[in-house]
Protein backbone atom coordinates (compact mmCIF):
# COMPACT_ATOMS: atom_id res chain seq x y z
CA MET A 1 -8.38 0.18 24.99
CA ASN A 2 -6.66 -1.60 22.13
CA THR A 3 -4.17 -4.09 23.59
CA ASP A 4 -2.22 -4.35 20.32
CA ILE A 5 0.20 -1.55 21.26
CA LYS A 6 2.67 -1.35 18.39
CA GLN A 7 4.79 1.26 16.70
CA ALA A 8 4.20 2.17 13.05
CA MET A 9 6.60 3.36 10.37
CA HIS A 10 5.90 3.95 6.70
CA VAL A 11 8.50 5.06 4.16
CA GLU A 12 7.85 6.09 0.57
CA ALA A 13 10.32 6.99 -2.17
CA GLY A 14 9.84 10.48 -3.55
CA LYS A 15 10.85 11.66 -7.02
CA SER A 16 9.64 15.18 -6.19
CA PHE A 17 8.01 17.16 -3.40
CA GLY A 18 5.44 19.77 -4.30
CA THR A 19 4.11 22.93 -2.68
CA ALA A 20 0.72 21.38 -1.82
CA GLU A 21 2.38 18.53 0.08
CA ALA A 22 4.71 20.96 1.85
CA ASN A 23 1.82 23.24 2.85
CA GLU A 24 -0.07 20.27 4.30
CA ASN A 25 2.89 19.10 6.37
CA GLU A 26 3.55 22.60 7.71
CA ARG A 27 -0.19 23.49 7.90
CA ARG A 28 0.23 26.65 5.83
CA TRP A 29 -3.55 26.85 5.42
CA ASN A 30 -6.27 29.38 6.17
CA ASP A 31 -9.66 28.50 7.68
CA ASP A 32 -11.35 28.20 4.26
CA LYS A 33 -8.74 25.69 3.12
CA ILE A 34 -9.20 23.63 6.29
CA ASP A 35 -12.99 23.62 5.86
CA ARG A 36 -12.65 22.47 2.24
CA LYS A 37 -10.26 19.69 3.28
CA ASN A 38 -12.66 18.54 6.00
CA GLN A 39 -15.47 18.11 3.46
CA ASP A 40 -13.74 14.87 2.53
CA PRO A 41 -15.14 12.31 5.00
CA THR A 42 -11.71 10.66 5.31
CA ASN A 43 -10.08 13.89 6.55
CA HIS A 44 -10.22 15.07 10.14
CA TYR A 45 -8.32 18.29 10.81
CA ASP A 46 -9.22 19.82 14.20
CA LYS A 47 -8.71 23.58 14.08
CA THR A 48 -8.85 23.82 17.88
CA ARG A 49 -5.86 21.44 18.19
CA MET A 50 -3.69 22.93 15.43
CA LYS A 51 -1.94 25.21 17.91
CA LEU A 52 -0.54 22.06 19.57
CA ASN A 53 1.30 20.90 16.42
CA PHE A 54 5.06 21.31 16.53
CA GLU A 55 8.25 20.38 14.73
CA ILE A 56 11.82 19.47 15.62
CA GLY A 57 14.21 21.95 14.07
CA PRO A 58 17.78 21.46 12.78
CA ASP A 59 18.96 22.25 16.32
CA GLY A 60 17.10 19.19 17.65
CA LYS A 61 14.73 21.35 19.73
CA VAL A 62 10.93 21.73 19.77
CA HIS A 63 9.54 24.67 17.76
CA PRO A 64 6.06 25.79 16.65
CA LEU A 65 4.97 24.17 13.39
CA GLY A 66 6.03 26.18 10.32
CA TYR A 67 8.38 28.44 12.28
CA GLN A 68 11.07 28.38 9.59
CA GLU A 69 10.97 31.24 7.10
CA LYS A 70 11.74 29.05 4.08
CA SER A 71 9.08 26.52 3.16
CA LEU A 72 9.71 22.79 3.13
CA GLU A 73 10.02 22.37 -0.65
CA VAL A 74 12.48 25.30 -0.86
CA ARG A 75 14.71 23.79 1.83
CA LEU A 76 14.64 20.47 -0.02
CA GLN A 77 15.72 22.06 -3.31
CA GLU A 78 18.56 23.89 -1.57
CA ARG A 79 19.90 20.67 -0.04
CA LEU A 80 19.61 18.84 -3.38
CA ALA A 81 21.52 21.68 -5.08
CA GLU A 82 24.29 21.41 -2.45
CA LEU A 83 24.65 17.72 -3.32
CA GLY A 84 24.75 18.44 -7.08
CA TRP A 85 21.53 16.53 -7.77
CA LYS A 86 20.10 16.87 -11.26
CA PRO A 87 16.83 15.29 -12.40
CA PHE A 88 16.47 13.62 -15.77
CA LYS A 89 14.94 15.45 -18.72
CA PRO A 90 11.37 16.65 -17.99
CA ASP A 91 9.92 14.38 -20.70
CA SER A 92 11.74 11.30 -19.37
CA LYS A 93 9.44 8.41 -18.40
CA ILE A 94 11.53 7.67 -15.31
CA GLN A 95 13.04 9.94 -12.69
CA PRO A 96 15.49 9.17 -9.86
CA ASN A 97 14.37 9.16 -6.21
CA CYS A 98 15.49 12.34 -4.49
CA CYS A 99 13.91 12.01 -1.05
CA ALA A 100 12.34 9.59 1.44
CA LYS A 101 8.97 10.46 2.99
CA PHE A 102 8.55 8.92 6.44
CA ILE A 103 5.47 8.67 8.66
CA PHE A 104 5.98 7.54 12.26
CA GLY A 105 3.12 6.67 14.57
CA GLY A 106 1.75 3.91 16.72
CA ASN A 107 -1.21 2.51 18.60
CA HIS A 108 -4.07 5.04 18.54
CA ASP A 109 -4.80 5.02 22.28
CA ARG A 110 -1.14 5.02 23.30
CA THR A 111 -0.15 7.95 21.07
CA LEU A 112 -3.15 9.96 22.30
CA GLU A 113 -2.05 9.19 25.86
CA MET A 114 1.48 10.41 25.10
CA ALA A 115 0.12 13.60 23.55
CA PHE A 116 -2.66 14.53 25.99
CA GLY A 117 -2.28 12.31 29.06
CA PRO A 118 -5.51 11.93 31.09
CA GLN A 119 -7.23 14.87 29.33
CA THR A 120 -10.43 14.03 27.45
CA VAL A 121 -10.18 14.35 23.67
CA ASN A 122 -13.34 14.64 21.56
CA LEU A 123 -12.53 13.18 18.13
CA ASP A 124 -15.87 14.15 16.54
CA LYS A 125 -15.68 16.55 13.59
CA GLY A 126 -16.24 20.14 14.67
CA ALA A 127 -15.65 19.36 18.36
CA ASP A 128 -14.06 21.99 20.60
CA ASN A 129 -10.75 20.76 22.05
CA SER A 130 -9.32 24.19 22.83
CA HIS A 131 -8.89 23.17 26.48
CA LEU A 132 -6.21 20.59 25.66
CA GLN A 133 -2.55 21.06 26.49
CA ARG A 134 0.37 19.18 24.97
CA CYS A 135 2.18 16.73 27.25
CA PRO A 136 6.00 16.53 27.48
CA GLU A 137 6.01 12.79 26.66
CA ILE A 138 4.99 13.35 23.02
CA GLU A 139 7.78 15.92 22.64
CA GLN A 140 10.37 13.52 24.05
CA TRP A 141 9.13 10.71 21.79
CA ALA A 142 9.46 13.02 18.76
CA LYS A 143 13.00 14.01 19.82
CA ASP A 144 14.00 10.35 20.16
CA VAL A 145 12.63 9.53 16.69
CA TYR A 146 14.45 12.60 15.32
CA ASP A 147 17.73 11.43 16.89
CA TRP A 148 17.17 7.95 15.41
CA CYS A 149 16.76 9.50 11.94
CA ALA A 150 19.80 11.73 12.46
CA ARG A 151 22.00 8.75 13.34
CA ARG A 152 20.92 6.83 10.24
CA TYR A 153 20.72 9.59 7.63
CA GLY A 154 22.63 12.59 9.02
CA GLN A 155 21.08 15.59 10.74
CA GLU A 156 21.87 17.84 7.77
CA ASN A 157 19.74 15.58 5.52
CA ILE A 158 16.58 15.86 7.64
CA ILE A 159 14.75 18.57 5.70
CA GLY A 160 11.54 18.58 7.74
CA PHE A 161 10.26 16.87 10.90
CA GLN A 162 6.64 17.83 11.67
CA VAL A 163 4.48 16.40 14.48
CA HIS A 164 0.70 16.53 13.92
CA LEU A 165 -1.62 16.41 16.94
CA ASP A 166 -4.70 17.80 15.15
CA GLU A 167 -5.83 14.56 13.43
CA SER A 168 -7.31 11.30 14.69
CA SER A 169 -3.95 9.89 15.87
CA PRO A 170 -0.74 11.78 16.65
CA HIS A 171 2.01 11.09 14.09
CA ILE A 172 5.24 12.42 12.61
CA HIS A 173 6.09 13.41 9.02
CA ALA A 174 9.81 13.36 8.21
CA LEU A 175 11.31 14.40 4.87
CA ILE A 176 14.85 13.04 4.42
CA VAL A 177 17.39 13.08 1.58
CA PRO A 178 19.22 9.73 1.21
CA VAL A 179 22.93 10.44 0.74
CA GLY A 180 25.76 8.09 -0.25
CA GLN A 181 29.32 8.28 -1.57
CA ARG A 182 30.54 7.57 -5.07
CA SER A 183 32.83 4.56 -5.16
CA LYS A 184 35.58 6.27 -7.19
CA SER A 185 35.54 9.94 -6.22
CA GLY A 186 34.19 9.49 -2.68
CA ARG A 187 32.00 12.53 -3.27
CA GLU A 188 28.68 12.75 -1.44
CA CYS A 189 25.60 12.64 -3.65
CA VAL A 190 21.90 11.80 -3.56
CA MET A 191 21.81 8.00 -3.64
CA TRP A 192 18.65 6.05 -2.78
CA SER A 193 20.41 2.68 -3.08
CA ALA A 194 22.98 3.66 -0.43
CA LYS A 195 20.29 3.76 2.27
CA PHE A 196 17.51 1.53 0.93
CA GLY A 197 19.28 -1.07 -1.23
CA LYS A 198 19.72 -1.84 -4.90
CA SER A 199 16.96 -4.42 -5.20
CA ARG A 200 13.59 -5.34 -3.73
CA TYR A 201 15.24 -8.06 -1.67
CA GLU A 202 17.74 -5.60 -0.14
CA TYR A 203 14.96 -3.04 0.39
CA GLY A 204 12.83 -5.57 2.28
CA HIS A 205 15.79 -6.66 4.41
CA ILE A 206 16.67 -3.04 5.27
CA LEU A 207 13.05 -2.21 6.17
CA ARG A 208 12.87 -5.17 8.57
CA GLU A 209 16.12 -4.03 10.19
CA MET A 210 14.75 -0.47 10.45
CA HIS A 211 11.62 -1.65 12.29
CA THR A 212 13.76 -3.62 14.73
CA SER A 213 16.18 -0.75 15.28
CA LEU A 214 13.35 1.76 15.81
CA TYR A 215 11.76 -0.55 18.38
CA GLU A 216 15.01 -1.18 20.27
CA GLU A 217 16.12 2.47 20.33
CA VAL A 218 12.79 4.30 20.62
CA GLY A 219 9.58 2.26 20.74
CA SER A 220 10.52 0.07 23.71
CA LYS A 221 10.98 3.18 25.89
CA TYR A 222 7.35 4.16 25.32
CA GLY A 223 5.64 0.77 25.55
CA LEU A 224 5.33 0.43 21.77
CA GLU A 225 6.07 -3.05 20.45
CA ARG A 226 7.81 -3.73 17.14
CA GLY A 227 5.47 -3.16 14.20
CA ASP A 228 4.42 -5.95 11.85
CA SER A 229 6.01 -6.30 8.43
CA ILE A 230 3.75 -5.43 5.51
CA VAL A 231 4.69 -8.87 4.16
CA GLY A 232 3.46 -10.53 7.33
CA ARG A 233 0.17 -8.70 7.13
CA ASN A 234 -0.20 -9.49 3.41
CA VAL A 235 -1.21 -5.91 2.64
CA GLN A 236 -2.06 -5.36 -1.02
CA HIS A 237 -3.63 -2.63 -3.10
CA LEU A 238 -5.40 -4.18 -6.07
CA HIS A 239 -7.70 -3.04 -8.85
CA LYS A 240 -11.22 -4.41 -8.65
CA ARG A 241 -10.74 -7.07 -11.34
CA ASP A 242 -7.41 -8.17 -9.84
CA TYR A 243 -9.11 -8.44 -6.45
CA ILE A 244 -11.92 -10.55 -7.96
CA ARG A 245 -9.35 -12.84 -9.60
CA LYS A 246 -7.49 -13.12 -6.29
CA LEU A 247 -10.67 -14.04 -4.43
CA ALA A 248 -11.65 -16.56 -7.13
CA LYS A 249 -8.21 -18.19 -6.94
CA GLU A 250 -8.35 -18.41 -3.15
CA ALA A 251 -11.89 -19.82 -3.34
CA LYS A 252 -10.74 -22.56 -5.75
CA GLN A 253 -7.86 -23.42 -3.45
CA ALA A 254 -10.22 -23.58 -0.47
CA GLU A 255 -12.67 -25.71 -2.49
CA ARG A 256 -9.89 -28.15 -3.41
CA ALA A 257 -8.82 -28.30 0.23
CA VAL A 258 -12.42 -29.07 1.29
CA LYS A 259 -12.69 -31.87 -1.27
CA GLY A 260 -9.33 -33.29 -0.19
CA LEU A 261 -10.31 -33.26 3.47
CA GLN A 262 -13.65 -34.89 2.68
CA THR A 263 -11.84 -37.67 0.77
CA MET A 264 -9.45 -38.22 3.68
CA ILE A 265 -12.34 -38.33 6.16
CA ARG A 266 -14.17 -40.93 4.09
CA LYS A 267 -10.99 -43.02 3.89
CA LEU A 268 -10.46 -42.82 7.66
CA GLU A 269 -14.09 -43.79 8.29
CA ARG A 270 -13.61 -46.86 6.05
CA GLU A 271 -10.44 -47.80 7.92
CA MET A 272 -12.24 -47.47 11.27
CA LEU A 273 -15.13 -49.61 10.01
CA ALA A 274 -12.65 -52.25 8.84
CA GLY A 275 -11.01 -52.19 12.28
CA ARG A 276 -14.33 -52.72 14.05
CA ASN A 277 -15.15 -55.60 11.70
CA ARG A 278 -11.76 -57.09 12.48
CA LEU A 279 -12.57 -56.88 16.21
CA LYS A 280 -15.80 -58.84 15.59
CA GLU A 281 -13.84 -61.45 13.63
CA ILE A 282 -11.31 -62.06 16.40
CA ASP A 283 -14.17 -62.20 18.96
CA GLU A 284 -15.78 -64.95 16.91
CA ALA A 285 -12.40 -66.70 16.44
CA LEU A 286 -11.82 -66.70 20.21
CA ALA A 287 -15.33 -68.03 20.86
CA SER A 288 -14.81 -70.85 18.35
CA GLY A 289 -11.36 -71.69 19.75
CA LYS A 290 -9.51 -70.78 16.54
CA ILE A 291 -7.07 -68.48 18.41
CA THR A 292 -5.69 -68.50 21.91
CA LEU A 293 -6.53 -65.87 24.54
CA ASP A 294 -3.00 -64.39 24.48
CA LYS A 295 -3.12 -64.00 20.71
CA TYR A 296 -6.64 -62.54 20.97
CA GLU A 297 -5.54 -59.93 23.55
CA ALA A 298 -2.51 -58.95 21.46
CA GLN A 299 -4.54 -58.56 18.25
CA LYS A 300 -7.34 -56.73 20.08
CA THR A 301 -4.84 -54.25 21.59
CA ASP A 302 -3.26 -53.57 18.18
CA ILE A 303 -6.63 -53.06 16.48
CA GLN A 304 -7.94 -50.77 19.25
CA LYS A 305 -4.74 -48.72 19.11
CA LEU A 306 -5.12 -48.41 15.33
CA ILE A 307 -8.78 -47.38 15.67
CA ALA A 308 -7.80 -44.76 18.28
CA GLU A 309 -5.18 -43.33 15.88
CA TYR A 310 -7.76 -43.22 13.09
CA GLN A 311 -10.23 -41.50 15.41
CA SER A 312 -7.64 -38.88 16.38
CA LYS A 313 -6.85 -38.22 12.72
CA LEU A 314 -10.55 -38.11 11.91
CA ASP A 315 -11.22 -35.50 14.61
CA ASP A 316 -8.28 -33.43 13.35
CA LYS A 317 -9.46 -33.59 9.72
CA ALA A 318 -13.05 -32.81 10.75
CA GLY A 319 -11.85 -29.66 12.56
CA LYS A 320 -9.78 -28.57 9.57
CA LEU A 321 -12.71 -29.29 7.27
CA GLN A 322 -14.97 -27.03 9.31
CA VAL A 323 -12.41 -24.20 9.16
CA LYS A 324 -11.96 -24.59 5.39
CA GLU A 325 -15.72 -24.72 4.79
CA GLN A 326 -16.13 -21.46 6.72
CA GLU A 327 -13.23 -19.94 4.77
CA LEU A 328 -14.78 -21.04 1.47
CA GLU A 329 -18.16 -19.63 2.49
CA GLN A 330 -16.61 -16.27 3.40
CA LEU A 331 -14.57 -16.10 0.18
CA THR A 332 -17.67 -16.89 -1.86
CA LYS A 333 -19.58 -14.11 -0.07
CA ASP A 334 -16.72 -11.64 -0.60
CA ALA A 335 -16.49 -12.49 -4.30
CA ALA A 336 -20.24 -12.11 -4.74
CA LYS A 337 -20.22 -8.82 -2.87
CA VAL A 338 -17.36 -7.29 -4.85
CA ARG A 339 -18.96 -8.38 -8.15
CA SER A 340 -22.28 -6.84 -7.18
CA VAL A 341 -22.82 -3.28 -8.32
CA VAL A 342 -26.33 -2.75 -6.95
CA GLN A 343 -26.72 -3.06 -3.21
CA PRO A 344 -30.12 -4.00 -1.71
CA PHE A 345 -32.42 -1.30 -0.45
CA ARG A 346 -32.24 -0.79 3.27
CA ASN A 347 -35.36 -1.43 5.31
CA HIS A 348 -35.86 2.08 6.66
CA LYS A 349 -37.60 2.54 9.97
CA VAL A 350 -39.69 5.71 10.09
CA ASP A 351 -40.97 6.85 13.46
CA PHE A 352 -44.35 8.58 13.36
CA THR A 353 -47.40 9.12 15.50
CA PRO A 354 -50.63 7.74 14.04
CA PRO A 355 -53.11 10.51 13.22
CA GLN A 356 -55.64 11.08 15.99
CA ILE A 357 -58.79 13.12 16.37
CA THR A 358 -58.14 15.62 19.11
CA GLU A 359 -61.23 17.82 18.80
CA LYS A 360 -64.63 16.96 20.18
CA VAL A 361 -67.49 16.53 17.76
CA PRO A 362 -69.48 19.79 17.71
CA LEU A 363 -73.22 19.85 18.10
CA PHE A 364 -73.57 21.84 14.91
CA GLY A 365 -71.47 21.98 11.72
CA THR A 366 -70.35 18.33 11.84
CA ASP A 367 -69.84 18.19 8.06
CA LYS A 368 -67.21 20.92 8.18
CA TRP A 369 -65.63 19.31 11.25
CA ILE A 370 -65.33 15.95 9.45
CA GLU A 371 -63.86 17.67 6.38
CA ARG A 372 -61.32 19.47 8.56
CA GLN A 373 -60.34 16.25 10.33
CA ASN A 374 -59.94 14.44 7.00
CA ARG A 375 -57.66 17.18 5.67
CA SER A 376 -55.52 16.99 8.82
CA ILE A 377 -55.21 13.18 8.65
CA SER A 378 -54.50 13.33 4.92
CA LYS A 379 -51.77 15.90 5.49
CA GLN A 380 -50.08 13.78 8.18
CA PHE A 381 -50.16 10.65 6.02
CA THR A 382 -48.82 12.60 3.03
CA GLU A 383 -45.86 13.83 5.11
CA ILE A 384 -45.07 10.27 6.22
CA VAL A 385 -45.28 8.92 2.66
CA ARG A 386 -43.08 11.71 1.33
CA LYS A 387 -40.52 11.03 4.03
CA ILE A 388 -40.39 7.32 3.11
CA GLU A 389 -40.29 8.21 -0.59
CA SER A 390 -37.35 10.57 0.03
CA LEU A 391 -35.39 7.84 1.84
CA TYR A 392 -35.89 5.33 -0.96
CA ARG A 393 -35.14 7.93 -3.62
CA SER A 394 -31.82 8.56 -1.84
CA ASP A 395 -31.14 4.83 -1.87
CA ALA A 396 -31.92 4.66 -5.59
CA ALA A 397 -29.62 7.62 -6.31
CA ARG A 398 -26.88 5.93 -4.26
CA GLN A 399 -27.22 2.76 -6.32
CA VAL A 400 -27.11 4.64 -9.61
CA GLU A 401 -24.02 6.52 -8.46
CA ALA A 402 -22.35 3.25 -7.38
CA ALA A 403 -23.14 1.70 -10.77
CA GLN A 404 -21.72 4.71 -12.60
CA ARG A 405 -18.55 4.63 -10.51
CA ASN A 406 -18.17 0.93 -11.20
CA ILE A 407 -18.58 1.40 -14.96
CA LEU A 408 -16.14 4.32 -14.97
CA ALA A 409 -13.61 2.29 -12.95
CA ASP A 410 -13.92 -0.64 -15.35
CA TYR A 411 -13.61 1.65 -18.39
CA GLY A 412 -10.63 3.41 -16.85
CA GLU A 413 -8.97 0.08 -16.19
CA LEU A 414 -9.68 -1.07 -19.77
CA TYR A 415 -8.27 2.20 -21.14
CA GLN A 416 -5.14 1.80 -19.01
CA LEU A 417 -4.72 -1.82 -20.12
CA ARG A 418 -5.00 -0.79 -23.79
CA LYS A 419 -2.50 1.99 -23.20
CA ASP A 420 -0.10 -0.42 -21.46
CA VAL A 421 -0.44 -2.95 -24.30
CA LYS A 422 0.29 -0.25 -26.87
CA THR A 423 3.34 0.90 -24.90
CA LEU A 424 4.60 -2.68 -24.55
CA ILE A 425 4.20 -3.29 -28.30
CA GLU A 426 6.08 -0.07 -29.09
CA ASN A 427 8.82 -0.93 -26.60
CA ASN A 428 9.04 -4.46 -28.02
CA ASP A 429 9.38 -3.16 -31.60
CA GLU A 430 12.01 -0.67 -30.46
CA LEU A 431 13.95 -3.36 -28.58
CA LYS A 432 13.72 -5.70 -31.56
CA SER A 433 15.09 -3.02 -33.88
CA THR A 434 17.87 -2.15 -31.42
CA LEU A 435 18.80 -5.82 -31.01
CA GLU A 436 18.98 -6.34 -34.79
CA THR A 437 21.18 -3.25 -35.14
CA MET A 438 23.46 -4.48 -32.35
CA LEU A 439 23.82 -7.92 -33.91
CA ASP A 440 24.62 -6.41 -37.32
CA GLN A 441 27.23 -4.10 -35.83
CA PHE A 442 28.88 -6.76 -33.64
CA ALA A 443 29.09 -9.04 -36.71
CA ASN A 444 31.38 -6.43 -38.35
CA PRO A 445 34.85 -6.52 -36.67
CA SER A 446 35.71 -2.89 -37.43
CA LEU A 447 32.37 -1.58 -36.13
CA ARG A 448 32.68 -3.79 -33.07
CA LEU A 449 36.07 -2.27 -32.23
CA LYS A 450 34.70 1.26 -32.71
CA ILE A 451 31.77 0.58 -30.36
CA PHE A 452 34.01 -0.71 -27.57
CA ALA A 453 36.48 2.15 -28.06
CA ILE A 454 33.71 4.78 -27.78
CA ALA A 455 32.09 3.05 -24.81
CA ASP A 456 35.44 2.89 -22.95
CA ALA A 457 36.10 6.54 -23.71
CA LEU A 458 32.67 7.60 -22.44
CA ALA A 459 33.06 5.51 -19.28
CA GLY A 460 36.45 7.09 -18.69
CA GLY A 461 35.11 10.61 -19.21
CA THR A 462 37.15 11.41 -22.36
CA SER A 463 35.95 12.47 -25.80
CA VAL A 464 36.48 10.37 -28.92
CA ALA A 465 36.41 11.05 -32.66
CA ILE A 466 34.99 8.46 -35.07
CA SER A 467 36.82 8.01 -38.36
CA SER A 468 34.88 6.95 -41.42
CA GLY A 469 35.49 3.39 -42.56
CA GLY A 470 35.91 2.18 -46.14
CA GLY A 471 38.09 5.06 -47.35
CA GLY A 472 35.44 7.73 -46.95
CA GLY A 473 37.95 9.96 -45.22
CA GLY A 474 37.53 12.47 -42.44
CA ASN A 475 36.29 12.29 -38.86
CA TYR A 476 32.77 12.48 -37.56
CA ASP A 477 31.77 13.79 -34.14
CA SER A 478 28.31 12.78 -32.92
CA ASP A 479 25.80 15.51 -32.12
CA LEU A 480 23.90 13.11 -29.83
CA ARG A 481 23.76 14.64 -26.33
CA TRP A 482 25.69 12.78 -23.64
CA ASP A 483 24.78 13.83 -20.07
CA GLY A 484 27.51 11.82 -18.34
CA ARG A 485 27.01 9.71 -15.29
CA ARG A 486 23.83 10.28 -13.30
CA PRO A 487 24.02 11.06 -9.57
CA ASP A 488 22.60 7.77 -8.29
CA GLU A 489 23.75 5.53 -11.18
CA GLU A 490 25.67 2.36 -10.33
CA GLU A 491 28.88 1.37 -12.12
CA GLU A 492 27.41 -1.55 -14.10
CA ALA A 493 24.33 0.41 -15.17
CA TYR A 494 26.53 3.31 -16.26
CA ARG A 495 28.78 1.05 -18.38
CA ARG A 496 25.73 -0.52 -20.05
CA ARG A 497 24.42 2.93 -20.92
CA CYS A 498 27.84 3.91 -22.34
CA LEU A 499 27.76 0.80 -24.55
CA MET A 500 24.21 1.51 -25.80
CA PHE A 501 25.12 5.13 -26.50
CA ALA A 502 28.20 4.04 -28.45
CA ILE A 503 26.06 1.65 -30.52
CA GLY A 504 23.73 4.56 -31.34
CA ILE A 505 26.62 6.82 -32.39
CA VAL A 506 28.13 4.19 -34.67
CA ALA A 507 24.72 3.34 -36.19
CA LYS A 508 24.04 7.00 -36.99
CA HIS A 509 27.53 7.47 -38.41
CA ASN A 510 27.11 4.36 -40.57
CA ARG A 511 23.81 5.63 -42.00
CA MET A 512 25.36 8.96 -42.94
CA TYR A 513 28.37 7.22 -44.50
CA ASN A 514 26.11 4.95 -46.61
CA LYS A 515 24.16 7.99 -47.85
CA ARG A 516 27.38 9.69 -49.01
CA LYS A 517 28.29 6.54 -50.96
């Protein structure tokens, strides 16, 4: 059994929640769908254990999975509508977070024990586990996690809370809407920052506090220790070339450390040699009567103490050097492995029985008997050769497929990089143009006053008319669409957007005025 018995919690920000994801959480699948999902080697849905899945309903009680008439995504949309949540325009490059997707779990052996107790569970694909019964401990654990979520986010904001016992490890899926209050109106609205912070630093701090709170209120009751931070485990998801660069950088650092340790060891060895030579010198000085015995003993003690210190440091550096050399060797192997597209052929072991003559030699017709025996032996050898050929053909096909995947991945990464560069150039040109327009407008006192007046009016929620400057006469109302303050928008961000919108209105008005002139 794994002795590292820890809880697990993963949270992901969601900008939307689709039907496919909802169907998976609530297992709204037929047998054909399950079979298709299980064709993926990473999936393991046990049809004989699906009847054991359950969910915690809005009443805080255990119910069969998918018992609610309305599906998960429908219930989410209804709650978002109650809170007045509106997404950005469909063609917008960014969208606000409208939900938090949680997964709760823990140590594989411990969660299986909570779910099935001493019953034997066969985790092989296609195994029959219809004899299993669900244990009360897993239900109580799920209720405690549900209560923990309800205390933090509000019971009315828990849209779904499904417990899956049909996969490799029991776990919980929770769909929650983060709700906060507007600073001015006090009205409740969807607000990711209210529950998960306004910055990465705040987000990381909140996550660490969540892990601690979950352990203290839930995990400790079930023998689950506090989970490790993703920062502590240095978990990263990198593209292949980024991973190669990371390995190369770490290898260089390890190589520098090895060279530094080797230099220090050589220096310590020289110091120790000098100390031993000094001991010989004072031995000779004592023998020749150049120093007294007391002085000899004092110097000898000092030198031996110094040599002992050098030896201790040398042993320490030698141990560190060994560790760094092993680290460098492993990093070099990893880098070589990840760079390699073609993997070596495996040395296949084929079991076969050597052909044998089982019939006795007849008295007559020996030529036909020999011909028959030769055909039999030839057939057996041909089958063995074809079997070996098939294995190596499969290996060759695997290598070709790996090479194709590698080339496609590299091309896809190159295409994405080109696309990103193009987007950055376009954004840079757009920002440059906007900045030049802003500077031109702020340099003109009358335009500057107009911009601030419009921005203040927008921030205050009132409309404003723009009068033409330079004696053109008349008022101009912008036809640029203003969608007001967004549900999860902070005060400073909103004021900045009002200012940028005002700059756009004045710029457009100025262009039209110049055309009329």
